[in-house]
Protein backbone atom coordinates (compact mmCIF):
# COMPACT_ATOMS: atom_id res chain seq x y z
CA MET A 1 -0.52 -5.99 -11.55
CA ALA A 2 -0.60 -5.76 -7.77
CA TYR A 3 1.21 -3.06 -5.85
CA LYS A 4 3.92 -3.46 -3.21
CA ILE A 5 5.15 -1.03 -0.59
CA THR A 6 8.81 -0.05 -0.63
CA ASP A 7 11.10 0.70 2.29
CA ALA A 8 10.22 4.39 1.86
CA CYS A 9 7.08 3.68 3.93
CA ILE A 10 6.77 5.95 6.98
CA MET A 11 3.96 3.91 8.60
CA CYS A 12 1.40 6.71 8.39
CA GLY A 13 -1.47 4.38 7.43
CA ALA A 14 -2.85 6.58 4.67
CA CYS A 15 -2.60 3.76 2.15
CA ALA A 16 -4.49 1.28 4.33
CA GLU A 17 -7.31 3.78 4.84
CA ALA A 18 -7.51 4.45 1.09
CA CYS A 19 -7.57 0.79 -0.02
CA PRO A 20 -11.11 -0.12 -1.16
CA VAL A 21 -10.55 -3.87 -0.68
CA SER A 22 -8.60 -3.80 2.62
CA ALA A 23 -5.53 -5.41 1.04
CA ILE A 24 -3.08 -3.37 3.14
CA SER A 25 -2.07 -4.21 6.69
CA GLU A 26 0.59 -3.13 9.15
CA GLY A 27 3.77 -5.14 8.77
CA ASP A 28 7.14 -5.18 10.46
CA GLY A 29 8.45 -1.64 9.93
CA LYS A 30 6.22 -0.89 6.94
CA TYR A 31 2.77 -1.60 5.62
CA VAL A 32 2.32 -4.62 3.34
CA ILE A 33 -0.09 -5.34 0.50
CA ASP A 34 -1.65 -8.77 0.02
CA PRO A 35 -1.09 -9.41 -3.71
CA ASP A 36 -4.02 -11.83 -3.87
CA THR A 37 -6.44 -9.19 -2.58
CA CYS A 38 -4.98 -6.11 -4.34
CA ILE A 39 -7.00 -4.97 -7.37
CA ALA A 40 -4.26 -2.61 -8.61
CA CYS A 41 -6.50 0.46 -8.45
CA GLY A 42 -3.68 2.79 -7.39
CA ALA A 43 -5.56 4.40 -4.50
CA CYS A 44 -2.65 3.63 -2.17
CA LYS A 45 -0.13 5.24 -4.48
CA ASP A 46 -2.31 8.33 -4.95
CA THR A 47 -2.69 8.77 -1.18
CA CYS A 48 0.84 8.05 0.04
CA PRO A 49 2.81 11.18 1.00
CA VAL A 50 6.16 9.53 0.23
CA GLU A 51 5.12 7.48 -2.84
CA ALA A 52 6.05 4.18 -1.17
CA PRO A 53 3.56 1.98 -3.09
CA GLU A 54 4.73 0.91 -6.55
CA GLU A 55 3.63 -1.67 -9.07
CA ALA A 56 5.09 -5.08 -8.25
């Protein structure tokens, strides 16, 4: 199951750098994950300092 980024996102970019398939991009006020590209590896969740990514 793909991940999504919650409103807890602080726009640090750690998740985007950690994503092995470049599924994460800067959105309006928070980063967003493309569910069609996400491989649900959890790298974003493991890297995020505020645990904003969660399973969708």
